Amino acid sequence: DLDEVDASTRTNDVWVAKEAVQKAAGLGMGLPPQSFEVYGRNVIDIGIDDINHIFNIHRWKAILNGQLTSLAIAEKV
């Protein structure tokens, strides 16, 4: 079903972007993925320990081993 494939792709894209932000923040899973939103955003503003942090998310897709793969890097501004 195309809707299932699309939903799975979007879920993977969101997870990859959230993981990139968690790593860029230096907190990993210490920054709960449900505490910020990345869907449809390339700039993320997150309050961590009462300090605002801004991250730019760079996303792309590549075919690796025959599979379409989502990639993301977050950079702290």
N, C-alpha and C. Protein backbone atom coordinates (compact mmCIF):
# COMPACT_ATOMS: atom_id res chain seq x y z
N ASP A 1 0.84 -1.18 0.00
CA ASP A 1 0.00 0.00 0.00
C ASP A 1 0.89 1.24 0.00
N LEU A 2 0.63 2.17 -0.91
CA LEU A 2 1.47 3.36 -1.02
C LEU A 2 1.39 4.24 0.22
N ASP A 3 0.22 4.32 0.84
CA ASP A 3 0.09 5.14 2.05
C ASP A 3 0.98 4.61 3.18
N GLU A 4 1.06 3.30 3.31
CA GLU A 4 1.94 2.70 4.33
C GLU A 4 3.40 3.03 4.06
N VAL A 5 3.79 2.94 2.80
CA VAL A 5 5.17 3.24 2.42
C VAL A 5 5.46 4.71 2.69
N ASP A 6 4.53 5.59 2.32
CA ASP A 6 4.71 7.02 2.55
C ASP A 6 4.80 7.33 4.05
N ALA A 7 3.92 6.72 4.84
CA ALA A 7 3.94 6.94 6.29
C ALA A 7 5.25 6.44 6.89
N SER A 8 5.72 5.31 6.44
CA SER A 8 6.97 4.75 6.95
C SER A 8 8.15 5.66 6.59
N THR A 9 8.14 6.18 5.36
CA THR A 9 9.21 7.08 4.92
C THR A 9 9.20 8.36 5.76
N ARG A 10 8.02 8.94 5.99
CA ARG A 10 7.94 10.16 6.79
C ARG A 10 8.38 9.92 8.22
N THR A 11 7.98 8.79 8.80
CA THR A 11 8.38 8.46 10.16
C THR A 11 9.90 8.34 10.25
N ASN A 12 10.50 7.68 9.28
CA ASN A 12 11.95 7.53 9.26
C ASN A 12 12.64 8.89 9.11
N ASP A 13 12.11 9.75 8.22
CA ASP A 13 12.68 11.08 8.03
C ASP A 13 12.66 11.89 9.32
N VAL A 14 11.54 11.82 10.04
CA VAL A 14 11.41 12.55 11.31
C VAL A 14 12.39 12.00 12.34
N TRP A 15 12.47 10.68 12.44
CA TRP A 15 13.37 10.07 13.43
C TRP A 15 14.82 10.45 13.15
N VAL A 16 15.24 10.39 11.90
CA VAL A 16 16.63 10.71 11.54
C VAL A 16 16.94 12.16 11.90
N ALA A 17 16.01 13.08 11.62
CA ALA A 17 16.22 14.50 11.94
C ALA A 17 16.26 14.71 13.45
N LYS A 18 15.38 14.05 14.19
CA LYS A 18 15.38 14.20 15.65
C LYS A 18 16.69 13.67 16.25
N GLU A 19 17.14 12.54 15.73
CA GLU A 19 18.40 11.97 16.22
C GLU A 19 19.57 12.92 15.94
N ALA A 20 19.55 13.58 14.79
CA ALA A 20 20.61 14.54 14.46
C ALA A 20 20.61 15.71 15.45
N VAL A 21 19.43 16.21 15.80
CA VAL A 21 19.34 17.32 16.76
C VAL A 21 19.81 16.86 18.14
N GLN A 22 19.40 15.67 18.56
CA GLN A 22 19.82 15.15 19.87
C GLN A 22 21.34 15.06 19.95
N LYS A 23 21.96 14.61 18.88
CA LYS A 23 23.42 14.48 18.87
C LYS A 23 24.09 15.86 18.84
N ALA A 24 23.55 16.78 18.03
CA ALA A 24 24.14 18.12 17.94
C ALA A 24 24.02 18.85 19.28
N ALA A 25 22.97 18.56 20.02
CA ALA A 25 22.79 19.18 21.34
C ALA A 25 23.73 18.56 22.38
N GLY A 26 24.32 17.42 22.03
CA GLY A 26 25.24 16.75 22.93
C GLY A 26 24.54 15.97 24.04
N LEU A 27 23.24 15.73 23.86
CA LEU A 27 22.47 15.07 24.91
C LEU A 27 21.98 13.68 24.54
N GLY A 28 22.04 13.33 23.28
CA GLY A 28 21.50 12.05 22.85
C GLY A 28 20.07 11.89 23.33
N MET A 29 19.74 10.70 23.84
CA MET A 29 18.38 10.44 24.31
C MET A 29 18.06 11.18 25.60
N GLY A 30 19.03 11.91 26.16
CA GLY A 30 18.76 12.78 27.30
C GLY A 30 17.85 13.94 26.91
N LEU A 31 17.76 14.21 25.61
CA LEU A 31 16.81 15.18 25.07
C LEU A 31 15.67 14.36 24.47
N PRO A 32 14.55 14.23 25.19
CA PRO A 32 13.48 13.35 24.73
C PRO A 32 12.98 13.74 23.33
N PRO A 33 12.88 12.76 22.43
CA PRO A 33 12.45 13.07 21.06
C PRO A 33 11.06 13.68 21.00
N GLN A 34 10.21 13.41 21.97
CA GLN A 34 8.87 13.97 21.96
C GLN A 34 8.84 15.42 22.45
N SER A 35 9.98 15.95 22.89
CA SER A 35 10.02 17.30 23.44
C SER A 35 10.22 18.38 22.37
N PHE A 36 10.40 17.99 21.11
CA PHE A 36 10.56 18.98 20.05
C PHE A 36 10.05 18.40 18.73
N GLU A 37 9.70 19.29 17.82
CA GLU A 37 9.12 18.90 16.54
C GLU A 37 10.06 19.26 15.40
N VAL A 38 10.20 18.36 14.44
CA VAL A 38 11.07 18.61 13.28
C VAL A 38 10.32 18.52 11.96
N TYR A 39 9.12 17.93 11.98
CA TYR A 39 8.39 17.72 10.72
C TYR A 39 8.07 19.06 10.05
N GLY A 40 8.52 19.21 8.82
CA GLY A 40 8.26 20.43 8.06
C GLY A 40 9.11 21.62 8.48
N ARG A 41 10.13 21.38 9.29
CA ARG A 41 10.98 22.48 9.78
C ARG A 41 12.44 22.20 9.46
N ASN A 42 13.16 23.24 9.12
CA ASN A 42 14.60 23.13 8.92
C ASN A 42 15.38 23.89 9.99
N VAL A 43 14.67 24.71 10.75
CA VAL A 43 15.28 25.44 11.87
C VAL A 43 14.49 25.05 13.12
N ILE A 44 15.21 24.58 14.13
CA ILE A 44 14.58 24.11 15.36
C ILE A 44 15.07 24.97 16.51
N ASP A 45 14.15 25.45 17.32
CA ASP A 45 14.47 26.26 18.50
C ASP A 45 14.05 25.45 19.72
N ILE A 46 15.02 25.09 20.55
CA ILE A 46 14.74 24.23 21.70
C ILE A 46 15.27 24.89 22.97
N GLY A 47 14.46 24.87 24.02
CA GLY A 47 14.91 25.33 25.32
C GLY A 47 15.52 24.17 26.09
N ILE A 48 16.80 24.30 26.43
CA ILE A 48 17.49 23.27 27.21
C ILE A 48 18.08 23.96 28.44
N ASP A 49 17.68 23.52 29.61
CA ASP A 49 18.14 24.13 30.87
C ASP A 49 17.93 25.64 30.86
N ASP A 50 16.74 26.05 30.44
CA ASP A 50 16.34 27.47 30.41
C ASP A 50 17.17 28.32 29.45
N ILE A 51 17.85 27.70 28.50
CA ILE A 51 18.61 28.43 27.48
C ILE A 51 18.10 28.00 26.12
N ASN A 52 17.80 28.98 25.26
CA ASN A 52 17.35 28.66 23.91
C ASN A 52 18.52 28.24 23.04
N HIS A 53 18.34 27.17 22.30
CA HIS A 53 19.34 26.68 21.36
C HIS A 53 18.66 26.56 20.00
N ILE A 54 19.35 27.01 18.96
CA ILE A 54 18.82 26.96 17.60
C ILE A 54 19.68 26.01 16.79
N PHE A 55 19.02 25.15 16.04
CA PHE A 55 19.70 24.18 15.19
C PHE A 55 19.16 24.27 13.77
N ASN A 56 20.05 24.24 12.80
CA ASN A 56 19.67 24.09 11.40
C ASN A 56 19.77 22.61 11.06
N ILE A 57 18.76 22.09 10.40
CA ILE A 57 18.78 20.69 9.99
C ILE A 57 18.99 20.63 8.48
N HIS A 58 19.98 19.86 8.08
CA HIS A 58 20.27 19.62 6.66
C HIS A 58 19.89 18.17 6.38
N ARG A 59 19.00 17.96 5.41
CA ARG A 59 18.49 16.62 5.12
C ARG A 59 18.73 16.26 3.67
N TRP A 60 18.94 15.00 3.43
CA TRP A 60 19.02 14.51 2.06
C TRP A 60 18.75 13.02 2.05
N LYS A 61 18.59 12.50 0.86
CA LYS A 61 18.37 11.06 0.69
C LYS A 61 19.44 10.53 -0.25
N ALA A 62 19.85 9.31 -0.01
CA ALA A 62 20.84 8.65 -0.85
C ALA A 62 20.45 7.18 -0.98
N ILE A 63 20.88 6.58 -2.05
CA ILE A 63 20.66 5.15 -2.21
C ILE A 63 21.93 4.46 -1.74
N LEU A 64 21.78 3.67 -0.68
CA LEU A 64 22.89 2.92 -0.10
C LEU A 64 22.52 1.45 -0.13
N ASN A 65 23.37 0.65 -0.72
CA ASN A 65 23.09 -0.80 -0.85
C ASN A 65 21.72 -1.07 -1.45
N GLY A 66 21.33 -0.22 -2.43
CA GLY A 66 20.06 -0.41 -3.11
C GLY A 66 18.85 0.07 -2.35
N GLN A 67 19.04 0.67 -1.19
CA GLN A 67 17.93 1.16 -0.36
C GLN A 67 17.95 2.68 -0.32
N LEU A 68 16.77 3.30 -0.47
CA LEU A 68 16.67 4.74 -0.29
C LEU A 68 16.81 5.03 1.20
N THR A 69 17.77 5.86 1.55
CA THR A 69 18.12 6.11 2.95
C THR A 69 18.00 7.59 3.27
N SER A 70 17.41 7.92 4.40
CA SER A 70 17.30 9.30 4.87
C SER A 70 18.51 9.64 5.71
N LEU A 71 19.07 10.82 5.47
CA LEU A 71 20.23 11.29 6.23
C LEU A 71 19.94 12.71 6.71
N ALA A 72 20.49 13.07 7.85
CA ALA A 72 20.32 14.43 8.37
C ALA A 72 21.51 14.79 9.25
N ILE A 73 21.86 16.06 9.17
CA ILE A 73 22.87 16.63 10.06
C ILE A 73 22.26 17.88 10.67
N ALA A 74 22.42 18.05 11.96
CA ALA A 74 21.96 19.27 12.63
C ALA A 74 23.19 20.06 13.05
N GLU A 75 23.13 21.36 12.83
CA GLU A 75 24.23 22.22 13.27
C GLU A 75 23.68 23.27 14.21
N LYS A 76 24.37 23.47 15.31
CA LYS A 76 23.96 24.48 16.27
C LYS A 76 24.35 25.85 15.72
N VAL A 77 23.40 26.77 15.79
CA VAL A 77 23.63 28.13 15.27
C VAL A 77 24.12 29.01 16.39
